[in-house]
Amino acid sequence: MRGSGAFRGGTVLVPPKHFPRTLCNGGFGPTGVCVLAKSLNPKTGAVFVPVRNDTVTGLLVTGFPGNGVFGYGTAGLSVTRVVAINDGGYGISRFVSTRTLFANDTAIGNAEAGFYVGDSPKADTVVRNDQAFGNQFGIFIRHARHVLVTGNVVSGNCQGILVLDDGQRGGVGNATIQFNRVFDNNKFCKKNDDTPVSTKGGGILLLGATHTLVTHNSVTGNAGKKFNSGGIVVLSAKPLSHGSNPEFDTISFNFAFHNHPADLIWDRTGFRVRFRHNACGTSIPGGFC
């Protein structure tokens, strides 16, 4: 699907007066662009035959009650130069998929994540050179492994970048988060059915993530008094989702300043969590800067 550009004079998708009765709209909410598996179990969500090598590019998708661009059961999905604004669920997302590319996209004001990668133990996904402003979560990785998040600008969200173990088998991790600008993510979000705690002021949060590298990011001005608040925060997922403790995570060569309650935070759970060569002002516990 190729549009003429993601701007008001280009190709703009807005909600129709009446949504068609489709498996996507019925199961996942009224959606702008839905890329759905060729064959799946509608009750369990198990994918039998994925849809392969689809491209969505050059569109503006705005105001849908569900999601902007949504992929489920895809292999080789590419979403580029797409803008998703003020959608009721996810801006640009993919579930139960492999080999995904989100590049040069923008997500603004979406009720859940601007960009979402979930339910994929072999995600092999790249989130590159995107912008996420004013969403609940800027970039959200949940129950997925092998994800590269690089060169993105993330600001004005309740949480900038989140890697979450939600308690499902397989956990989350094997992610690389590098060369991103994550600043002033100080929007307040109340708790809801999907997020059982309120959030504010979070830069990069590893919540039960394992084998994850956070490096060469600029993380500044993220401030709050919630569990997620701070610059780069590494916590156990057990209290929130009965997920994992952090293991084999490395936080290195980051620039982190003017975050509150601290630039670097670790709750001391798990093992082989390393903070190396970061430029920062404050840390909890002390000694990481």
C-alpha atoms as a PDB file:
ATOM      1  CA  MET A   1       0.000   0.000   0.000  1.00  0.00           C
ATOM      2  CA  ARG A   2       1.734   3.127  -1.214  1.00  0.00           C
ATOM      3  CA  GLY A   3       0.356   6.607  -0.528  1.00  0.00           C
ATOM      4  CA  SER A   4       1.351   9.971  -1.950  1.00  0.00           C
ATOM      5  CA  GLY A   5       2.748  11.223   1.363  1.00  0.00           C
ATOM      6  CA  ALA A   6       2.005  11.421   5.061  1.00  0.00           C
ATOM      7  CA  PHE A   7       0.680  14.975   5.159  1.00  0.00           C
ATOM      8  CA  ARG A   8      -2.659  16.748   4.813  1.00  0.00           C
ATOM      9  CA  GLY A   9      -2.337  17.144   1.064  1.00  0.00           C
ATOM     10  CA  GLY A  10      -1.100  13.574   0.607  1.00  0.00           C
ATOM     11  CA  THR A  11      -2.837  10.307   1.390  1.00  0.00           C
ATOM     12  CA  VAL A  12      -4.898  10.600   4.569  1.00  0.00           C
ATOM     13  CA  LEU A  13      -6.909   7.774   6.125  1.00  0.00           C
ATOM     14  CA  VAL A  14      -9.679   8.809   8.519  1.00  0.00           C
ATOM     15  CA  PRO A  15     -12.416   6.680  10.113  1.00  0.00           C
ATOM     16  CA  PRO A  16     -15.485   5.934   7.964  1.00  0.00           C
ATOM     17  CA  LYS A  17     -18.990   6.504   9.281  1.00  0.00           C
ATOM     18  CA  HIS A  18     -19.515   2.749   9.448  1.00  0.00           C
ATOM     19  CA  PHE A  19     -16.721   0.221   9.882  1.00  0.00           C
ATOM     20  CA  PRO A  20     -16.942  -3.002   7.886  1.00  0.00           C
ATOM     21  CA  ARG A  21     -17.376  -6.248   9.784  1.00  0.00           C
ATOM     22  CA  THR A  22     -13.954  -7.801   9.485  1.00  0.00           C
ATOM     23  CA  LEU A  23     -11.918 -10.131  11.656  1.00  0.00           C
ATOM     24  CA  CYS A  24      -9.445  -7.319  12.269  1.00  0.00           C
ATOM     25  CA  ASN A  25     -11.981  -4.675  13.287  1.00  0.00           C
ATOM     26  CA  GLY A  26     -13.947  -7.143  15.385  1.00  0.00           C
ATOM     27  CA  GLY A  27     -10.964  -8.695  17.129  1.00  0.00           C
ATOM     28  CA  PHE A  28      -8.553  -5.801  17.527  1.00  0.00           C
ATOM     29  CA  GLY A  29     -10.618  -2.629  17.273  1.00  0.00           C
ATOM     30  CA  PRO A  30     -11.506  -0.384  14.311  1.00  0.00           C
ATOM     31  CA  THR A  31      -8.197   0.065  12.511  1.00  0.00           C
ATOM     32  CA  GLY A  32      -6.813   2.205   9.710  1.00  0.00           C
ATOM     33  CA  VAL A  33      -4.535  -0.337   8.016  1.00  0.00           C
ATOM     34  CA  CYS A  34      -4.682  -3.992   9.057  1.00  0.00           C
ATOM     35  CA  VAL A  35      -2.218  -6.592   7.750  1.00  0.00           C
ATOM     36  CA  LEU A  36      -3.505  -9.945   8.942  1.00  0.00           C
ATOM     37  CA  ALA A  37      -2.259 -13.543   8.685  1.00  0.00           C
ATOM     38  CA  LYS A  38      -3.661 -15.638   5.852  1.00  0.00           C
ATOM     39  CA  SER A  39      -4.806 -18.225   8.353  1.00  0.00           C
ATOM     40  CA  LEU A  40      -5.176 -18.058  12.135  1.00  0.00           C
ATOM     41  CA  ASN A  41      -7.287 -19.372  14.964  1.00  0.00           C
ATOM     42  CA  PRO A  42      -9.673 -16.508  15.855  1.00  0.00           C
ATOM     43  CA  LYS A  43     -10.165 -17.860  19.371  1.00  0.00           C
ATOM     44  CA  THR A  44      -6.554 -18.461  20.423  1.00  0.00           C
ATOM     45  CA  GLY A  45      -4.761 -16.124  18.039  1.00  0.00           C
ATOM     46  CA  ALA A  46      -2.432 -18.897  16.858  1.00  0.00           C
ATOM     47  CA  VAL A  47      -1.043 -18.161  13.385  1.00  0.00           C
ATOM     48  CA  PHE A  48      -1.145 -21.023  10.890  1.00  0.00           C
ATOM     49  CA  VAL A  49      -0.058 -19.213   7.709  1.00  0.00           C
ATOM     50  CA  PRO A  50       1.521 -15.738   7.944  1.00  0.00           C
ATOM     51  CA  VAL A  51       1.157 -13.057   5.298  1.00  0.00           C
ATOM     52  CA  ARG A  52       4.546 -12.236   3.756  1.00  0.00           C
ATOM     53  CA  ASN A  53       6.510  -9.212   2.571  1.00  0.00           C
ATOM     54  CA  ASP A  54       3.852  -6.512   2.787  1.00  0.00           C
ATOM     55  CA  THR A  55       4.734  -2.805   2.640  1.00  0.00           C
ATOM     56  CA  VAL A  56       2.803   0.192   3.952  1.00  0.00           C
ATOM     57  CA  THR A  57       4.332   3.564   3.066  1.00  0.00           C
ATOM     58  CA  GLY A  58       3.528   7.226   2.574  1.00  0.00           C
ATOM     59  CA  LEU A  59       0.281   7.520   4.574  1.00  0.00           C
ATOM     60  CA  LEU A  60      -1.194   9.633   7.339  1.00  0.00           C
ATOM     61  CA  VAL A  61      -3.541   7.593   9.553  1.00  0.00           C
ATOM     62  CA  THR A  62      -5.491   9.528  12.150  1.00  0.00           C
ATOM     63  CA  GLY A  63      -8.349   9.265  14.620  1.00  0.00           C
ATOM     64  CA  PHE A  64      -9.165   5.555  14.461  1.00  0.00           C
ATOM     65  CA  PRO A  65     -10.812   4.169  17.610  1.00  0.00           C
ATOM     66  CA  GLY A  66      -8.525   1.139  17.487  1.00  0.00           C
ATOM     67  CA  ASN A  67      -5.120   1.230  15.837  1.00  0.00           C
ATOM     68  CA  GLY A  68      -3.401   3.211  13.123  1.00  0.00           C
ATOM     69  CA  VAL A  69      -1.337   0.534  11.347  1.00  0.00           C
ATOM     70  CA  PHE A  70      -1.668  -2.976  12.757  1.00  0.00           C
ATOM     71  CA  GLY A  71       0.113  -6.181  11.758  1.00  0.00           C
ATOM     72  CA  TYR A  72      -0.710  -9.650  13.091  1.00  0.00           C
ATOM     73  CA  GLY A  73       0.866 -12.832  11.805  1.00  0.00           C
ATOM     74  CA  THR A  74       3.194 -11.113   9.347  1.00  0.00           C
ATOM     75  CA  ALA A  75       6.627 -12.021   7.991  1.00  0.00           C
ATOM     76  CA  GLY A  76       8.665  -9.271   6.371  1.00  0.00           C
ATOM     77  CA  LEU A  77       6.243  -6.402   7.078  1.00  0.00           C
ATOM     78  CA  SER A  78       7.674  -2.945   6.310  1.00  0.00           C
ATOM     79  CA  VAL A  79       6.049   0.285   7.510  1.00  0.00           C
ATOM     80  CA  THR A  80       7.900   3.404   6.339  1.00  0.00           C
ATOM     81  CA  ARG A  81       7.141   7.108   6.081  1.00  0.00           C
ATOM     82  CA  VAL A  82       3.819   6.646   7.857  1.00  0.00           C
ATOM     83  CA  VAL A  83       2.372   9.112  10.377  1.00  0.00           C
ATOM     84  CA  ALA A  84      -0.135   7.814  12.969  1.00  0.00           C
ATOM     85  CA  ILE A  85      -1.905  10.499  15.014  1.00  0.00           C
ATOM     86  CA  ASN A  86      -4.457  10.294  17.847  1.00  0.00           C
ATOM     87  CA  ASP A  87      -5.503   6.693  17.403  1.00  0.00           C
ATOM     88  CA  GLY A  88      -7.357   5.025  20.265  1.00  0.00           C
ATOM     89  CA  GLY A  89      -4.984   2.073  20.601  1.00  0.00           C
ATOM     90  CA  TYR A  90      -1.538   1.621  19.084  1.00  0.00           C
ATOM     91  CA  GLY A  91      -0.122   3.960  16.490  1.00  0.00           C
ATOM     92  CA  ILE A  92       2.059   1.529  14.507  1.00  0.00           C
ATOM     93  CA  SER A  93       2.229  -2.042  15.812  1.00  0.00           C
ATOM     94  CA  ARG A  94       2.867  -5.683  15.060  1.00  0.00           C
ATOM     95  CA  PHE A  95       2.038  -8.874  16.957  1.00  0.00           C
ATOM     96  CA  VAL A  96       3.075 -12.507  16.445  1.00  0.00           C
ATOM     97  CA  SER A  97       5.318 -11.514  13.539  1.00  0.00           C
ATOM     98  CA  THR A  98       8.901 -11.750  12.293  1.00  0.00           C
ATOM     99  CA  ARG A  99      11.296  -9.626  10.212  1.00  0.00           C
ATOM    100  CA  THR A 100       9.516  -6.302  10.679  1.00  0.00           C
ATOM    101  CA  LEU A 101      10.837  -2.843   9.782  1.00  0.00           C
ATOM    102  CA  PHE A 102       9.432   0.414  11.179  1.00  0.00           C
ATOM    103  CA  ALA A 103      11.513   3.216   9.661  1.00  0.00           C
ATOM    104  CA  ASN A 104      11.123   6.973   9.212  1.00  0.00           C
ATOM    105  CA  ASP A 105       7.658   6.907  10.768  1.00  0.00           C
ATOM    106  CA  THR A 106       6.011   9.271  13.261  1.00  0.00           C
ATOM    107  CA  ALA A 107       3.518   8.434  16.032  1.00  0.00           C
ATOM    108  CA  ILE A 108       1.814  11.271  17.914  1.00  0.00           C
ATOM    109  CA  GLY A 109      -0.815  11.254  20.650  1.00  0.00           C
ATOM    110  CA  ASN A 110      -1.836   7.599  20.455  1.00  0.00           C
ATOM    111  CA  ALA A 111      -3.615   6.231  23.521  1.00  0.00           C
ATOM    112  CA  GLU A 112      -1.251   3.281  23.962  1.00  0.00           C
ATOM    113  CA  ALA A 113       2.147   2.849  22.330  1.00  0.00           C
ATOM    114  CA  GLY A 114       3.349   4.922  19.422  1.00  0.00           C
ATOM    115  CA  PHE A 115       5.354   1.902  18.205  1.00  0.00           C
ATOM    116  CA  TYR A 116       4.737  -1.618  19.486  1.00  0.00           C
ATOM    117  CA  VAL A 117       6.593  -4.917  19.056  1.00  0.00           C
ATOM    118  CA  GLY A 118       4.945  -7.809  20.869  1.00  0.00           C
ATOM    119  CA  ASP A 119       4.320 -11.530  21.250  1.00  0.00           C
ATOM    120  CA  SER A 120       7.257 -12.626  19.124  1.00  0.00           C
ATOM    121  CA  PRO A 121      10.094 -14.743  20.560  1.00  0.00           C
ATOM    122  CA  LYS A 122      11.879 -14.386  17.206  1.00  0.00           C
ATOM    123  CA  ALA A 123      10.828 -10.857  16.336  1.00  0.00           C
ATOM    124  CA  ASP A 124      13.896  -9.936  14.226  1.00  0.00           C
ATOM    125  CA  THR A 125      12.488  -6.411  14.152  1.00  0.00           C
ATOM    126  CA  VAL A 126      14.096  -3.016  13.547  1.00  0.00           C
ATOM    127  CA  VAL A 127      12.605   0.266  14.812  1.00  0.00           C
ATOM    128  CA  ARG A 128      14.794   2.888  13.117  1.00  0.00           C
ATOM    129  CA  ASN A 129      14.810   6.660  12.652  1.00  0.00           C
ATOM    130  CA  ASP A 130      11.269   7.079  13.960  1.00  0.00           C
ATOM    131  CA  GLN A 131       9.675   9.804  16.066  1.00  0.00           C
ATOM    132  CA  ALA A 132       7.301   9.213  18.989  1.00  0.00           C
ATOM    133  CA  PHE A 133       5.646  12.191  20.681  1.00  0.00           C
ATOM    134  CA  GLY A 134       2.887  12.384  23.275  1.00  0.00           C
ATOM    135  CA  ASN A 135       1.810   8.739  23.374  1.00  0.00           C
ATOM    136  CA  GLN A 136       1.387   6.616  26.499  1.00  0.00           C
ATOM    137  CA  PHE A 137       4.545   4.698  25.599  1.00  0.00           C
ATOM    138  CA  GLY A 138       6.822   5.953  22.856  1.00  0.00           C
ATOM    139  CA  ILE A 139       8.356   2.613  21.847  1.00  0.00           C
ATOM    140  CA  PHE A 140       7.083  -0.517  23.602  1.00  0.00           C
ATOM    141  CA  ILE A 141       8.611  -4.015  23.405  1.00  0.00           C
ATOM    142  CA  ARG A 142       6.673  -6.735  25.239  1.00  0.00           C
ATOM    143  CA  HIS A 143       7.064 -10.514  25.184  1.00  0.00           C
ATOM    144  CA  ALA A 144       9.469 -10.282  22.235  1.00  0.00           C
ATOM    145  CA  ARG A 145      13.133 -10.936  21.532  1.00  0.00           C
ATOM    146  CA  HIS A 146      15.721  -9.851  18.969  1.00  0.00           C
ATOM    147  CA  VAL A 147      14.698  -6.218  18.474  1.00  0.00           C
ATOM    148  CA  LEU A 148      16.922  -3.295  17.413  1.00  0.00           C
ATOM    149  CA  VAL A 149      15.784   0.204  18.423  1.00  0.00           C
ATOM    150  CA  THR A 150      18.145   2.765  16.903  1.00  0.00           C
ATOM    151  CA  GLY A 151      18.276   6.407  15.906  1.00  0.00           C
ATOM    152  CA  ASN A 152      14.817   7.351  17.198  1.00  0.00           C
ATOM    153  CA  VAL A 153      13.578  10.594  18.783  1.00  0.00           C
ATOM    154  CA  VAL A 154      11.230   9.983  21.721  1.00  0.00           C
ATOM    155  CA  SER A 155       9.694  12.826  23.739  1.00  0.00           C
ATOM    156  CA  GLY A 156       6.553  13.894  25.579  1.00  0.00           C
ATOM    157  CA  ASN A 157       5.314  10.372  26.349  1.00  0.00           C
ATOM    158  CA  CYS A 158       4.540   8.931  29.789  1.00  0.00           C
ATOM    159  CA  GLN A 159       7.367   6.438  29.203  1.00  0.00           C
ATOM    160  CA  GLY A 160       9.894   6.876  26.410  1.00  0.00           C
ATOM    161  CA  ILE A 161      11.135   3.359  25.644  1.00  0.00           C
ATOM    162  CA  LEU A 162       9.843   0.323  27.553  1.00  0.00           C
ATOM    163  CA  VAL A 163      11.017  -3.288  27.420  1.00  0.00           C
ATOM    164  CA  LEU A 164       8.559  -5.349  29.507  1.00  0.00           C
ATOM    165  CA  ASP A 165       8.331  -8.959  30.622  1.00  0.00           C
ATOM    166  CA  ASP A 166       4.572  -9.335  31.140  1.00  0.00           C
ATOM    167  CA  GLY A 167       4.877 -12.787  32.689  1.00  0.00           C
ATOM    168  CA  GLN A 168       4.323 -14.843  29.547  1.00  0.00           C
ATOM    169  CA  ARG A 169       6.582 -17.782  28.856  1.00  0.00           C
ATOM    170  CA  GLY A 170       9.796 -16.776  27.081  1.00  0.00           C
ATOM    171  CA  GLY A 171      10.053 -13.344  28.639  1.00  0.00           C
ATOM    172  CA  VAL A 172      11.525 -10.357  26.833  1.00  0.00           C
ATOM    173  CA  GLY A 173      14.979  -9.248  25.812  1.00  0.00           C
ATOM    174  CA  ASN A 174      17.875  -9.809  23.432  1.00  0.00           C
ATOM    175  CA  ALA A 175      17.222  -6.201  22.464  1.00  0.00           C
ATOM    176  CA  THR A 176      19.651  -3.454  21.506  1.00  0.00           C
ATOM    177  CA  ILE A 177      18.630   0.136  22.252  1.00  0.00           C
ATOM    178  CA  GLN A 178      21.185   2.520  20.799  1.00  0.00           C
ATOM    179  CA  PHE A 179      21.736   6.046  19.493  1.00  0.00           C
ATOM    180  CA  ASN A 180      18.278   7.266  20.514  1.00  0.00           C
ATOM    181  CA  ARG A 181      17.345  10.720  21.874  1.00  0.00           C
ATOM    182  CA  VAL A 182      14.935  10.229  24.791  1.00  0.00           C
ATOM    183  CA  PHE A 183      13.986  13.453  26.512  1.00  0.00           C
ATOM    184  CA  ASP A 184      11.212  15.145  28.525  1.00  0.00           C
ATOM    185  CA  ASN A 185       8.878  12.163  28.653  1.00  0.00           C
ATOM    186  CA  ASN A 186       6.869  13.813  31.396  1.00  0.00           C
ATOM    187  CA  LYS A 187       3.278  13.242  30.359  1.00  0.00           C
ATOM    188  CA  PHE A 188       1.098  11.738  33.105  1.00  0.00           C
ATOM    189  CA  CYS A 189      -0.936   8.622  32.311  1.00  0.00           C
ATOM    190  CA  LYS A 190      -3.485   7.178  34.725  1.00  0.00           C
ATOM    191  CA  LYS A 191      -3.636   3.463  35.346  1.00  0.00           C
ATOM    192  CA  ASN A 192      -6.036   1.532  33.137  1.00  0.00           C
ATOM    193  CA  ASP A 193      -7.010  -2.025  32.229  1.00  0.00           C
ATOM    194  CA  ASP A 194      -3.758  -2.600  30.317  1.00  0.00           C
ATOM    195  CA  THR A 195      -1.440  -0.640  32.618  1.00  0.00           C
ATOM    196  CA  PRO A 196      -2.264  -1.296  36.287  1.00  0.00           C
ATOM    197  CA  VAL A 197      -0.131   1.592  37.591  1.00  0.00           C
ATOM    198  CA  SER A 198       0.098   5.249  36.621  1.00  0.00           C
ATOM    199  CA  THR A 199       3.225   6.398  34.772  1.00  0.00           C
ATOM    200  CA  LYS A 200       5.167   9.622  34.276  1.00  0.00           C
ATOM    201  CA  GLY A 201       8.683  10.816  33.669  1.00  0.00           C
ATOM    202  CA  GLY A 202      10.344   7.673  32.318  1.00  0.00           C
ATOM    203  CA  GLY A 203      13.207   7.640  29.833  1.00  0.00           C
ATOM    204  CA  ILE A 204      14.316   4.059  29.090  1.00  0.00           C
ATOM    205  CA  LEU A 205      12.860   1.309  31.300  1.00  0.00           C
ATOM    206  CA  LEU A 206      13.960  -2.326  31.320  1.00  0.00           C
ATOM    207  CA  LEU A 207      11.317  -4.165  33.320  1.00  0.00           C
ATOM    208  CA  GLY A 208      12.393  -7.788  33.616  1.00  0.00           C
ATOM    209  CA  ALA A 209      14.411  -7.624  30.400  1.00  0.00           C
ATOM    210  CA  THR A 210      17.293 -10.043  29.873  1.00  0.00           C
ATOM    211  CA  HIS A 211      20.334 -10.007  27.565  1.00  0.00           C
ATOM    212  CA  THR A 212      19.619  -6.405  26.581  1.00  0.00           C
ATOM    213  CA  LEU A 213      22.112  -3.688  25.628  1.00  0.00           C
ATOM    214  CA  VAL A 214      21.378   0.018  26.176  1.00  0.00           C
ATOM    215  CA  THR A 215      24.200   2.078  24.688  1.00  0.00           C
ATOM    216  CA  HIS A 216      25.068   5.485  23.233  1.00  0.00           C
ATOM    217  CA  ASN A 217      21.679   7.015  24.000  1.00  0.00           C
ATOM    218  CA  SER A 218      21.003  10.600  25.096  1.00  0.00           C
ATOM    219  CA  VAL A 219      18.492  10.506  27.973  1.00  0.00           C
ATOM    220  CA  THR A 220      17.639  13.862  29.543  1.00  0.00           C
ATOM    221  CA  GLY A 221      14.916  15.701  31.429  1.00  0.00           C
ATOM    222  CA  ASN A 222      12.702  12.734  32.306  1.00  0.00           C
ATOM    223  CA  ALA A 223      11.286  13.437  35.758  1.00  0.00           C
ATOM    224  CA  GLY A 224       8.527  12.102  37.973  1.00  0.00           C
ATOM    225  CA  LYS A 225       7.620  10.291  41.167  1.00  0.00           C
ATOM    226  CA  LYS A 226       6.244   7.049  39.704  1.00  0.00           C
ATOM    227  CA  PHE A 227       7.852   3.609  39.655  1.00  0.00           C
ATOM    228  CA  ASN A 228       9.034   4.181  36.070  1.00  0.00           C
ATOM    229  CA  SER A 229      10.463   7.663  36.640  1.00  0.00           C
ATOM    230  CA  GLY A 230      14.091   8.412  35.886  1.00  0.00           C
ATOM    231  CA  GLY A 231      16.596   8.315  33.060  1.00  0.00           C
ATOM    232  CA  ILE A 232      17.614   4.695  32.449  1.00  0.00           C
ATOM    233  CA  VAL A 233      15.815   2.403  34.899  1.00  0.00           C
ATOM    234  CA  VAL A 234      16.359  -1.348  35.365  1.00  0.00           C
ATOM    235  CA  LEU A 235      13.802  -3.163  37.535  1.00  0.00           C
ATOM    236  CA  SER A 236      12.390  -6.574  38.286  1.00  0.00           C
ATOM    237  CA  ALA A 237       9.070  -7.385  36.630  1.00  0.00           C
ATOM    238  CA  LYS A 238       7.990  -9.681  39.454  1.00  0.00           C
ATOM    239  CA  PRO A 239       6.011  -7.117  41.516  1.00  0.00           C
ATOM    240  CA  LEU A 240       4.089  -5.788  38.502  1.00  0.00           C
ATOM    241  CA  SER A 241       3.553  -8.748  36.166  1.00  0.00           C
ATOM    242  CA  HIS A 242       5.112 -11.793  37.875  1.00  0.00           C
ATOM    243  CA  GLY A 243       7.771 -11.665  35.174  1.00  0.00           C
ATOM    244  CA  SER A 244      11.532 -12.048  35.401  1.00  0.00           C
ATOM    245  CA  ASN A 245      14.322 -10.305  37.212  1.00  0.00           C
ATOM    246  CA  PRO A 246      16.776  -8.486  34.927  1.00  0.00           C
ATOM    247  CA  GLU A 247      19.675 -10.644  33.799  1.00  0.00           C
ATOM    248  CA  PHE A 248      22.726 -10.056  31.597  1.00  0.00           C
ATOM    249  CA  ASP A 249      21.794  -6.454  30.810  1.00  0.00           C
ATOM    250  CA  THR A 250      24.447  -3.864  29.935  1.00  0.00           C
ATOM    251  CA  ILE A 251      23.983  -0.101  30.163  1.00  0.00           C
ATOM    252  CA  SER A 252      27.037   1.584  28.683  1.00  0.00           C
ATOM    253  CA  PHE A 253      28.289   4.798  27.063  1.00  0.00           C
ATOM    254  CA  ASN A 254      25.021   6.670  27.567  1.00  0.00           C
ATOM    255  CA  PHE A 255      24.637  10.419  28.196  1.00  0.00           C
ATOM    256  CA  ALA A 256      22.061  10.849  30.995  1.00  0.00           C
ATOM    257  CA  PHE A 257      21.468  14.106  32.852  1.00  0.00           C
ATOM    258  CA  HIS A 258      18.672  16.095  34.549  1.00  0.00           C
ATOM    259  CA  ASN A 259      16.486  13.044  35.153  1.00  0.00           C
ATOM    260  CA  HIS A 260      14.590  12.538  38.421  1.00  0.00           C
ATOM    261  CA  PRO A 261      14.820  10.782  40.817  1.00  0.00           C
ATOM    262  CA  ALA A 262      18.110   9.801  39.176  1.00  0.00           C
ATOM    263  CA  ASP A 263      19.799   9.417  35.816  1.00  0.00           C
ATOM    264  CA  LEU A 264      20.561   5.716  36.315  1.00  0.00           C
ATOM    265  CA  ILE A 265      18.483   3.440  38.552  1.00  0.00           C
ATOM    266  CA  TRP A 266      18.733  -0.280  39.372  1.00  0.00           C
ATOM    267  CA  ASP A 267      16.700  -2.008  42.061  1.00  0.00           C
ATOM    268  CA  ARG A 268      19.583  -4.510  42.635  1.00  0.00           C
ATOM    269  CA  THR A 269      17.513  -7.517  41.539  1.00  0.00           C
ATOM    270  CA  GLY A 270      18.749 -10.153  39.121  1.00  0.00           C
ATOM    271  CA  PHE A 271      22.370 -10.679  38.201  1.00  0.00           C
ATOM    272  CA  ARG A 272      25.005  -9.712  35.632  1.00  0.00           C
ATOM    273  CA  VAL A 273      23.485  -6.234  35.277  1.00  0.00           C
ATOM    274  CA  ARG A 274      26.358  -3.933  34.338  1.00  0.00           C
ATOM    275  CA  PHE A 275      26.631  -0.137  34.182  1.00  0.00           C
ATOM    276  CA  ARG A 276      29.776   0.898  32.321  1.00  0.00           C
ATOM    277  CA  HIS A 277      31.249   4.196  31.091  1.00  0.00           C
ATOM    278  CA  ASN A 278      28.065   6.254  31.308  1.00  0.00           C
ATOM    279  CA  ALA A 279      28.180  10.059  31.532  1.00  0.00           C
ATOM    280  CA  CYS A 280      25.602  11.011  34.156  1.00  0.00           C
ATOM    281  CA  GLY A 281      24.984  13.121  37.228  1.00  0.00           C
ATOM    282  CA  THR A 282      23.168  10.872  39.716  1.00  0.00           C
ATOM    283  CA  SER A 283      22.458   7.191  40.234  1.00  0.00           C
ATOM    284  CA  ILE A 284      20.512   4.895  42.566  1.00  0.00           C
ATOM    285  CA  PRO A 285      22.424   3.175  44.093  1.00  0.00           C
ATOM    286  CA  GLY A 286      25.344   5.566  43.953  1.00  0.00           C
ATOM    287  CA  GLY A 287      28.578   4.925  42.101  1.00  0.00           C
ATOM    288  CA  PHE A 288      27.339   4.358  38.537  1.00  0.00           C
ATOM    289  CA  CYS A 289      28.298   7.845  37.303  1.00  0.00           C
END
